[in-house]
C-alpha atoms as a PDB file:
ATOM      1  CA  UNK A   1       0.000   0.000   0.000  1.00  0.00           C
ATOM      2  CA  UNK A   2       1.424   3.388  -1.012  1.00  0.00           C
ATOM      3  CA  UNK A   3       1.512   6.269   1.447  1.00  0.00           C
ATOM      4  CA  UNK A   4      -1.193   8.079  -0.532  1.00  0.00           C
ATOM      5  CA  UNK A   5      -3.674   5.199  -0.200  1.00  0.00           C
ATOM      6  CA  UNK A   6      -3.218   4.731   3.548  1.00  0.00           C
ATOM      7  CA  UNK A   7      -6.191   5.782   5.702  1.00  0.00           C
ATOM      8  CA  UNK A   8      -4.748   9.090   6.931  1.00  0.00           C
ATOM      9  CA  UNK A   9      -4.280  10.838   3.552  1.00  0.00           C
ATOM     10  CA  UNK A  10      -7.689   9.660   2.336  1.00  0.00           C
ATOM     11  CA  UNK A  11      -9.356  10.781   5.564  1.00  0.00           C
ATOM     12  CA  UNK A  12      -7.572  14.132   5.245  1.00  0.00           C
ATOM     13  CA  UNK A  13      -8.874  14.598   1.698  1.00  0.00           C
ATOM     14  CA  UNK A  14     -12.408  13.668   2.745  1.00  0.00           C
ATOM     15  CA  UNK A  15     -12.509  15.877   5.848  1.00  0.00           C
ATOM     16  CA  UNK A  16     -10.670  18.716   4.123  1.00  0.00           C
ATOM     17  CA  UNK A  17     -13.042  18.789   1.146  1.00  0.00           C
ATOM     18  CA  UNK A  18     -16.006  18.639   3.526  1.00  0.00           C
ATOM     19  CA  UNK A  19     -14.707  21.724   5.343  1.00  0.00           C
ATOM     20  CA  UNK A  20     -13.853  23.577   2.127  1.00  0.00           C
ATOM     21  CA  UNK A  21     -17.378  23.084   0.798  1.00  0.00           C
ATOM     22  CA  UNK A  22     -19.121  23.807   4.090  1.00  0.00           C
ATOM     23  CA  UNK A  23     -17.284  27.056   4.772  1.00  0.00           C
ATOM     24  CA  UNK A  24     -16.537  28.211   1.207  1.00  0.00           C
ATOM     25  CA  UNK A  25     -19.927  27.476  -0.339  1.00  0.00           C
ATOM     26  CA  UNK A  26     -21.499  28.325   3.017  1.00  0.00           C
ATOM     27  CA  UNK A  27     -20.061  31.837   2.761  1.00  0.00           C
ATOM     28  CA  UNK A  28     -21.995  32.267  -0.495  1.00  0.00           C
ATOM     29  CA  UNK A  29     -25.205  30.610   0.686  1.00  0.00           C
ATOM     30  CA  UNK A  30     -25.489  31.973   4.219  1.00  0.00           C
ATOM     31  CA  UNK A  31     -23.521  35.220   4.157  1.00  0.00           C
ATOM     32  CA  UNK A  32     -23.248  36.250   0.502  1.00  0.00           C
ATOM     33  CA  UNK A  33     -25.505  39.293   0.800  1.00  0.00           C
ATOM     34  CA  UNK A  34     -23.471  40.568   3.744  1.00  0.00           C
ATOM     35  CA  UNK A  35     -19.907  39.910   2.595  1.00  0.00           C
ATOM     36  CA  UNK A  36     -20.231  40.081  -1.210  1.00  0.00           C
ATOM     37  CA  UNK A  37     -17.934  38.526  -3.810  1.00  0.00           C
ATOM     38  CA  UNK A  38     -14.811  39.749  -2.023  1.00  0.00           C
ATOM     39  CA  UNK A  39     -15.832  38.068   1.207  1.00  0.00           C
ATOM     40  CA  UNK A  40     -16.722  34.797  -0.528  1.00  0.00           C
ATOM     41  CA  UNK A  41     -13.386  34.751  -2.372  1.00  0.00           C
ATOM     42  CA  UNK A  42     -11.506  35.416   0.864  1.00  0.00           C
ATOM     43  CA  UNK A  43     -13.456  32.664   2.607  1.00  0.00           C
ATOM     44  CA  UNK A  44     -12.342  30.108   0.018  1.00  0.00           C
ATOM     45  CA  UNK A  45      -8.753  31.394   0.122  1.00  0.00           C
ATOM     46  CA  UNK A  46      -8.451  31.457   3.921  1.00  0.00           C
ATOM     47  CA  UNK A  47     -10.124  28.079   4.417  1.00  0.00           C
ATOM     48  CA  UNK A  48      -7.814  26.441   1.861  1.00  0.00           C
ATOM     49  CA  UNK A  49      -4.789  28.105   3.431  1.00  0.00           C
ATOM     50  CA  UNK A  50      -5.755  26.831   6.862  1.00  0.00           C
ATOM     51  CA  UNK A  51      -6.383  23.332   5.541  1.00  0.00           C
ATOM     52  CA  UNK A  52      -2.994  23.309   3.822  1.00  0.00           C
ATOM     53  CA  UNK A  53      -1.351  23.766   7.201  1.00  0.00           C
ATOM     54  CA  UNK A  54      -3.631  21.105   8.693  1.00  0.00           C
ATOM     55  CA  UNK A  55      -3.426  18.453   5.967  1.00  0.00           C
ATOM     56  CA  UNK A  56      -0.768  19.506   3.448  1.00  0.00           C
ATOM     57  CA  UNK A  57       1.960  17.284   4.831  1.00  0.00           C
ATOM     58  CA  UNK A  58      -0.458  14.345   5.117  1.00  0.00           C
ATOM     59  CA  UNK A  59      -2.272  14.290   1.778  1.00  0.00           C
ATOM     60  CA  UNK A  60      -1.143  17.410  -0.041  1.00  0.00           C
ATOM     61  CA  UNK A  61      -4.484  19.039   0.817  1.00  0.00           C
ATOM     62  CA  UNK A  62      -5.616  18.773  -2.815  1.00  0.00           C
ATOM     63  CA  UNK A  63      -9.328  18.853  -1.887  1.00  0.00           C
ATOM     64  CA  UNK A  64     -10.005  19.139  -5.617  1.00  0.00           C
ATOM     65  CA  UNK A  65     -10.186  16.405  -8.307  1.00  0.00           C
ATOM     66  CA  UNK A  66      -8.646  18.801 -10.842  1.00  0.00           C
ATOM     67  CA  UNK A  67      -5.562  19.292  -8.674  1.00  0.00           C
ATOM     68  CA  UNK A  68      -5.272  15.536  -8.185  1.00  0.00           C
ATOM     69  CA  UNK A  69      -5.546  15.035 -11.962  1.00  0.00           C
ATOM     70  CA  UNK A  70      -2.713  17.512 -12.400  1.00  0.00           C
ATOM     71  CA  UNK A  71      -0.556  15.563  -9.958  1.00  0.00           C
ATOM     72  CA  UNK A  72      -1.402  12.307 -11.736  1.00  0.00           C
ATOM     73  CA  UNK A  73      -0.569  13.648 -15.209  1.00  0.00           C
ATOM     74  CA  UNK A  74       2.627  15.200 -13.851  1.00  0.00           C
ATOM     75  CA  UNK A  75       3.729  11.741 -12.660  1.00  0.00           C
ATOM     76  CA  UNK A  76       3.659  12.695  -8.993  1.00  0.00           C
ATOM     77  CA  UNK A  77       1.154  10.064  -7.911  1.00  0.00           C
ATOM     78  CA  UNK A  78      -0.168   6.741  -9.172  1.00  0.00           C
ATOM     79  CA  UNK A  79      -3.503   6.165 -10.880  1.00  0.00           C
ATOM     80  CA  UNK A  80      -4.649   4.032  -7.926  1.00  0.00           C
ATOM     81  CA  UNK A  81      -3.862   6.845  -5.497  1.00  0.00           C
ATOM     82  CA  UNK A  82      -5.612   9.415  -7.686  1.00  0.00           C
ATOM     83  CA  UNK A  83      -8.776   7.312  -7.887  1.00  0.00           C
ATOM     84  CA  UNK A  84      -8.832   6.893  -4.105  1.00  0.00           C
ATOM     85  CA  UNK A  85      -8.321  10.645  -3.681  1.00  0.00           C
ATOM     86  CA  UNK A  86     -11.216  11.383  -6.074  1.00  0.00           C
ATOM     87  CA  UNK A  87     -13.547   9.089  -4.140  1.00  0.00           C
ATOM     88  CA  UNK A  88     -12.569  10.715  -0.830  1.00  0.00           C
ATOM     89  CA  UNK A  89     -12.953  14.220  -2.260  1.00  0.00           C
ATOM     90  CA  UNK A  90     -16.409  13.632  -3.734  1.00  0.00           C
ATOM     91  CA  UNK A  91     -17.649  11.911  -0.575  1.00  0.00           C
ATOM     92  CA  UNK A  92     -16.318  14.753   1.565  1.00  0.00           C
ATOM     93  CA  UNK A  93     -17.852  17.397  -0.688  1.00  0.00           C
ATOM     94  CA  UNK A  94     -21.272  15.723  -0.598  1.00  0.00           C
ATOM     95  CA  UNK A  95     -21.108  15.419   3.187  1.00  0.00           C
ATOM     96  CA  UNK A  96     -20.147  19.086   3.482  1.00  0.00           C
ATOM     97  CA  UNK A  97     -22.997  20.147   1.197  1.00  0.00           C
ATOM     98  CA  UNK A  98     -25.444  17.979   3.177  1.00  0.00           C
ATOM     99  CA  UNK A  99     -24.430  19.658   6.448  1.00  0.00           C
ATOM    100  CA  UNK A 100     -24.699  23.069   4.817  1.00  0.00           C
ATOM    101  CA  UNK A 101     -28.142  22.164   3.441  1.00  0.00           C
ATOM    102  CA  UNK A 102     -29.310  21.256   6.948  1.00  0.00           C
ATOM    103  CA  UNK A 103     -28.119  24.611   8.273  1.00  0.00           C
ATOM    104  CA  UNK A 104     -29.638  26.530   5.343  1.00  0.00           C
ATOM    105  CA  UNK A 105     -33.018  24.933   6.010  1.00  0.00           C
ATOM    106  CA  UNK A 106     -32.969  26.491   9.477  1.00  0.00           C
ATOM    107  CA  UNK A 107     -32.810  30.011   7.989  1.00  0.00           C
ATOM    108  CA  UNK A 108     -36.338  31.351   7.435  1.00  0.00           C
ATOM    109  CA  UNK A 109     -37.003  32.387   3.838  1.00  0.00           C
ATOM    110  CA  UNK A 110     -33.725  31.078   2.427  1.00  0.00           C
ATOM    111  CA  UNK A 111     -34.411  29.399  -0.930  1.00  0.00           C
ATOM    112  CA  UNK A 112     -31.957  26.632  -1.825  1.00  0.00           C
ATOM    113  CA  UNK A 113     -33.632  25.403  -5.021  1.00  0.00           C
ATOM    114  CA  UNK A 114     -31.510  25.792  -8.186  1.00  0.00           C
ATOM    115  CA  UNK A 115     -29.084  28.082  -6.353  1.00  0.00           C
ATOM    116  CA  UNK A 116     -27.347  26.960  -3.137  1.00  0.00           C
ATOM    117  CA  UNK A 117     -23.926  28.301  -4.129  1.00  0.00           C
ATOM    118  CA  UNK A 118     -23.872  26.387  -7.420  1.00  0.00           C
ATOM    119  CA  UNK A 119     -22.133  27.371 -10.631  1.00  0.00           C
ATOM    120  CA  UNK A 120     -23.831  28.407 -13.842  1.00  0.00           C
ATOM    121  CA  UNK A 121     -23.824  30.194 -17.176  1.00  0.00           C
ATOM    122  CA  UNK A 122     -26.351  32.099 -19.328  1.00  0.00           C
ATOM    123  CA  UNK A 123     -29.216  33.128 -17.033  1.00  0.00           C
ATOM    124  CA  UNK A 124     -27.466  31.502 -14.054  1.00  0.00           C
ATOM    125  CA  UNK A 125     -24.425  33.751 -14.468  1.00  0.00           C
ATOM    126  CA  UNK A 126     -24.494  37.136 -12.732  1.00  0.00           C
ATOM    127  CA  UNK A 127     -23.302  38.779 -15.969  1.00  0.00           C
ATOM    128  CA  UNK A 128     -25.090  36.399 -18.359  1.00  0.00           C
ATOM    129  CA  UNK A 129     -21.905  34.705 -19.556  1.00  0.00           C
ATOM    130  CA  UNK A 130     -22.544  32.273 -22.412  1.00  0.00           C
ATOM    131  CA  UNK A 131     -21.785  28.552 -22.399  1.00  0.00           C
ATOM    132  CA  UNK A 132     -18.670  29.026 -24.538  1.00  0.00           C
ATOM    133  CA  UNK A 133     -17.428  31.885 -22.399  1.00  0.00           C
ATOM    134  CA  UNK A 134     -18.013  29.901 -19.219  1.00  0.00           C
ATOM    135  CA  UNK A 135     -16.092  26.936 -20.613  1.00  0.00           C
ATOM    136  CA  UNK A 136     -13.074  29.108 -21.489  1.00  0.00           C
ATOM    137  CA  UNK A 137     -13.194  30.954 -18.173  1.00  0.00           C
ATOM    138  CA  UNK A 138     -13.273  27.762 -16.118  1.00  0.00           C
ATOM    139  CA  UNK A 139     -10.386  26.306 -18.118  1.00  0.00           C
ATOM    140  CA  UNK A 140      -8.307  29.446 -17.560  1.00  0.00           C
ATOM    141  CA  UNK A 141      -9.135  29.783 -13.871  1.00  0.00           C
ATOM    142  CA  UNK A 142      -8.317  26.137 -13.181  1.00  0.00           C
ATOM    143  CA  UNK A 143      -5.215  26.361 -15.345  1.00  0.00           C
ATOM    144  CA  UNK A 144      -3.845  29.165 -13.181  1.00  0.00           C
ATOM    145  CA  UNK A 145      -4.636  27.376  -9.921  1.00  0.00           C
ATOM    146  CA  UNK A 146      -3.095  24.043 -10.946  1.00  0.00           C
ATOM    147  CA  UNK A 147      -0.124  25.707 -12.674  1.00  0.00           C
ATOM    148  CA  UNK A 148       0.770  27.597  -9.486  1.00  0.00           C
ATOM    149  CA  UNK A 149       0.241  24.398  -7.459  1.00  0.00           C
ATOM    150  CA  UNK A 150       2.639  22.457  -9.680  1.00  0.00           C
ATOM    151  CA  UNK A 151       5.162  25.300  -9.725  1.00  0.00           C
ATOM    152  CA  UNK A 152       5.493  25.750  -5.956  1.00  0.00           C
ATOM    153  CA  UNK A 153       5.705  22.020  -5.180  1.00  0.00           C
ATOM    154  CA  UNK A 154       7.943  19.183  -6.300  1.00  0.00           C
ATOM    155  CA  UNK A 155       5.774  16.299  -5.059  1.00  0.00           C
ATOM    156  CA  UNK A 156       2.057  15.687  -4.540  1.00  0.00           C
ATOM    157  CA  UNK A 157       2.311  17.221  -1.049  1.00  0.00           C
ATOM    158  CA  UNK A 158       1.873  20.894  -0.176  1.00  0.00           C
ATOM    159  CA  UNK A 159       3.818  22.017   2.865  1.00  0.00           C
ATOM    160  CA  UNK A 160       4.175  25.150   4.935  1.00  0.00           C
ATOM    161  CA  UNK A 161       4.701  28.364   3.008  1.00  0.00           C
ATOM    162  CA  UNK A 162       3.946  26.577  -0.264  1.00  0.00           C
ATOM    163  CA  UNK A 163       0.301  26.930   0.687  1.00  0.00           C
ATOM    164  CA  UNK A 164       0.405  30.741   0.682  1.00  0.00           C
ATOM    165  CA  UNK A 165       0.620  31.268  -3.110  1.00  0.00           C
ATOM    166  CA  UNK A 166      -1.924  28.493  -3.642  1.00  0.00           C
ATOM    167  CA  UNK A 167      -4.396  30.056  -1.204  1.00  0.00           C
ATOM    168  CA  UNK A 168      -3.869  33.505  -2.718  1.00  0.00           C
ATOM    169  CA  UNK A 169      -4.387  32.093  -6.205  1.00  0.00           C
ATOM    170  CA  UNK A 170      -7.670  30.465  -5.204  1.00  0.00           C
ATOM    171  CA  UNK A 171      -8.759  33.818  -3.787  1.00  0.00           C
ATOM    172  CA  UNK A 172      -7.759  35.609  -6.996  1.00  0.00           C
ATOM    173  CA  UNK A 173      -9.514  33.208  -9.361  1.00  0.00           C
ATOM    174  CA  UNK A 174     -12.588  33.322  -7.119  1.00  0.00           C
ATOM    175  CA  UNK A 175     -12.682  37.120  -7.299  1.00  0.00           C
ATOM    176  CA  UNK A 176     -12.570  36.971 -11.095  1.00  0.00           C
ATOM    177  CA  UNK A 177     -14.862  33.999 -11.499  1.00  0.00           C
ATOM    178  CA  UNK A 178     -17.677  34.627  -9.014  1.00  0.00           C
ATOM    179  CA  UNK A 179     -19.497  37.196 -11.185  1.00  0.00           C
ATOM    180  CA  UNK A 180     -18.942  35.047 -14.279  1.00  0.00           C
ATOM    181  CA  UNK A 181     -19.707  31.442 -13.300  1.00  0.00           C
ATOM    182  CA  UNK A 182     -19.670  31.408  -9.506  1.00  0.00           C
ATOM    183  CA  UNK A 183     -16.129  29.971  -9.763  1.00  0.00           C
ATOM    184  CA  UNK A 184     -15.866  26.207  -9.867  1.00  0.00           C
ATOM    185  CA  UNK A 185     -12.240  25.198 -10.601  1.00  0.00           C
ATOM    186  CA  UNK A 186     -13.187  22.130  -8.561  1.00  0.00           C
ATOM    187  CA  UNK A 187     -15.557  19.381  -9.803  1.00  0.00           C
ATOM    188  CA  UNK A 188     -16.281  18.167  -6.259  1.00  0.00           C
ATOM    189  CA  UNK A 189     -17.166  21.688  -5.107  1.00  0.00           C
ATOM    190  CA  UNK A 190     -19.549  21.982  -8.087  1.00  0.00           C
ATOM    191  CA  UNK A 191     -21.179  18.568  -7.880  1.00  0.00           C
ATOM    192  CA  UNK A 192     -22.032  18.523  -4.178  1.00  0.00           C
ATOM    193  CA  UNK A 193     -24.223  21.659  -3.900  1.00  0.00           C
ATOM    194  CA  UNK A 194     -25.814  20.943  -7.310  1.00  0.00           C
ATOM    195  CA  UNK A 195     -27.133  17.625  -5.965  1.00  0.00           C
ATOM    196  CA  UNK A 196     -29.136  19.560  -3.366  1.00  0.00           C
ATOM    197  CA  UNK A 197     -30.081  22.506  -5.591  1.00  0.00           C
ATOM    198  CA  UNK A 198     -31.413  20.367  -8.455  1.00  0.00           C
ATOM    199  CA  UNK A 199     -33.026  21.784 -11.604  1.00  0.00           C
ATOM    200  CA  UNK A 200     -30.834  23.881 -13.892  1.00  0.00           C
ATOM    201  CA  UNK A 201     -27.907  23.582 -11.472  1.00  0.00           C
ATOM    202  CA  UNK A 202     -27.721  19.874 -12.320  1.00  0.00           C
ATOM    203  CA  UNK A 203     -28.405  20.466 -16.013  1.00  0.00           C
ATOM    204  CA  UNK A 204     -25.363  22.759 -16.297  1.00  0.00           C
ATOM    205  CA  UNK A 205     -23.128  20.710 -14.004  1.00  0.00           C
ATOM    206  CA  UNK A 206     -21.318  18.901 -16.837  1.00  0.00           C
ATOM    207  CA  UNK A 207     -19.398  22.051 -17.787  1.00  0.00           C
ATOM    208  CA  UNK A 208     -18.056  22.531 -14.268  1.00  0.00           C
ATOM    209  CA  UNK A 209     -16.738  18.992 -14.192  1.00  0.00           C
ATOM    210  CA  UNK A 210     -15.186  18.856 -17.657  1.00  0.00           C
ATOM    211  CA  UNK A 211     -13.710  22.370 -17.956  1.00  0.00           C
ATOM    212  CA  UNK A 212     -11.679  22.227 -14.700  1.00  0.00           C
ATOM    213  CA  UNK A 213     -10.229  18.863 -15.723  1.00  0.00           C
ATOM    214  CA  UNK A 214      -9.242  20.278 -19.111  1.00  0.00           C
ATOM    215  CA  UNK A 215      -7.669  23.282 -17.384  1.00  0.00           C
ATOM    216  CA  UNK A 216      -5.664  20.975 -15.123  1.00  0.00           C
ATOM    217  CA  UNK A 217      -4.365  18.981 -18.107  1.00  0.00           C
ATOM    218  CA  UNK A 218      -3.328  22.178 -19.911  1.00  0.00           C
ATOM    219  CA  UNK A 219      -1.558  23.353 -16.753  1.00  0.00           C
ATOM    220  CA  UNK A 220       0.553  20.188 -16.706  1.00  0.00           C
ATOM    221  CA  UNK A 221       1.579  20.692 -20.331  1.00  0.00           C
ATOM    222  CA  UNK A 222       2.480  24.357 -19.857  1.00  0.00           C
ATOM    223  CA  UNK A 223       4.297  23.621 -16.597  1.00  0.00           C
ATOM    224  CA  UNK A 224       6.485  21.102 -18.397  1.00  0.00           C
ATOM    225  CA  UNK A 225       7.275  23.648 -21.092  1.00  0.00           C
ATOM    226  CA  UNK A 226       8.167  26.375 -18.615  1.00  0.00           C
ATOM    227  CA  UNK A 227       9.949  24.009 -16.230  1.00  0.00           C
ATOM    228  CA  UNK A 228      11.326  21.390 -18.653  1.00  0.00           C
ATOM    229  CA  UNK A 229      12.220  18.050 -17.092  1.00  0.00           C
ATOM    230  CA  UNK A 230      11.215  15.733 -19.947  1.00  0.00           C
ATOM    231  CA  UNK A 231      13.262  12.673 -19.045  1.00  0.00           C
ATOM    232  CA  UNK A 232      12.318  12.698 -15.364  1.00  0.00           C
ATOM    233  CA  UNK A 233       8.651  13.392 -16.170  1.00  0.00           C
ATOM    234  CA  UNK A 234       8.436  10.593 -18.739  1.00  0.00           C
ATOM    235  CA  UNK A 235       9.967   8.129 -16.300  1.00  0.00           C
ATOM    236  CA  UNK A 236       7.622   9.186 -13.491  1.00  0.00           C
ATOM    237  CA  UNK A 237       4.595   9.020 -15.810  1.00  0.00           C
ATOM    238  CA  UNK A 238       5.472   5.492 -16.933  1.00  0.00           C
ATOM    239  CA  UNK A 239       5.747   4.450 -13.299  1.00  0.00           C
ATOM    240  CA  UNK A 240       2.422   6.071 -12.412  1.00  0.00           C
ATOM    241  CA  UNK A 241       0.351   4.569 -15.229  1.00  0.00           C
ATOM    242  CA  UNK A 242      -0.254   0.784 -15.042  1.00  0.00           C
ATOM    243  CA  UNK A 243       1.251  -1.141 -17.938  1.00  0.00           C
ATOM    244  CA  UNK A 244       3.893   1.518 -18.639  1.00  0.00           C
ATOM    245  CA  UNK A 245       7.528   0.825 -17.909  1.00  0.00           C
ATOM    246  CA  UNK A 246      10.480   3.220 -17.694  1.00  0.00           C
ATOM    247  CA  UNK A 247      12.586   3.419 -20.850  1.00  0.00           C
ATOM    248  CA  UNK A 248      15.715   1.359 -20.736  1.00  0.00           C
END
């Protein structure tokens, strides 16, 4: 059993994603009208930064399937580990959204249907951003987040001060993205609240799963161009993917 598939890293990813969704999405659902886009963006940034210090040395504090995909494609973790991380992240996100839903239902007059901190485009975008625009925006936002993540780390773990630029980047992309799509950059963060919102939130969910994954893949490619390590990367990738063997 690899270190990444031991109980502690998986529990860290599950609990961490639960907390990120509860407090980050909760800032939008419960306090959005009081703190605005700036406050929501800061909530996501500060929660991630805190969780990096709590879980970064244990699991890397990915808390995001797109980040884990980036680590997989960069050869920093195995496919088995990535799959286990994805399961933990989605379960944690759903649990966090369920807890948030229970709290939201205790607020008189708060409507959770088709909203609930979900992402959207067209009439579900604050500025009416089209489907094509939303797809490009989510790719670019996720690209920046994963590119910074890959650039400040050398393994799948995120330790100490390495979390500062990552947290700041999440805050920055949230500030830009909230008026446009609500800022996904994280398929687990998008899926979980959409399950409880239903309606058009679920109908548009596909974009906020696919686009962040595409952005993560592009980030890996660009990172390898800017920080070229082709031989090492190819060897690591062959080790990570079953059936591939290092070149002799």
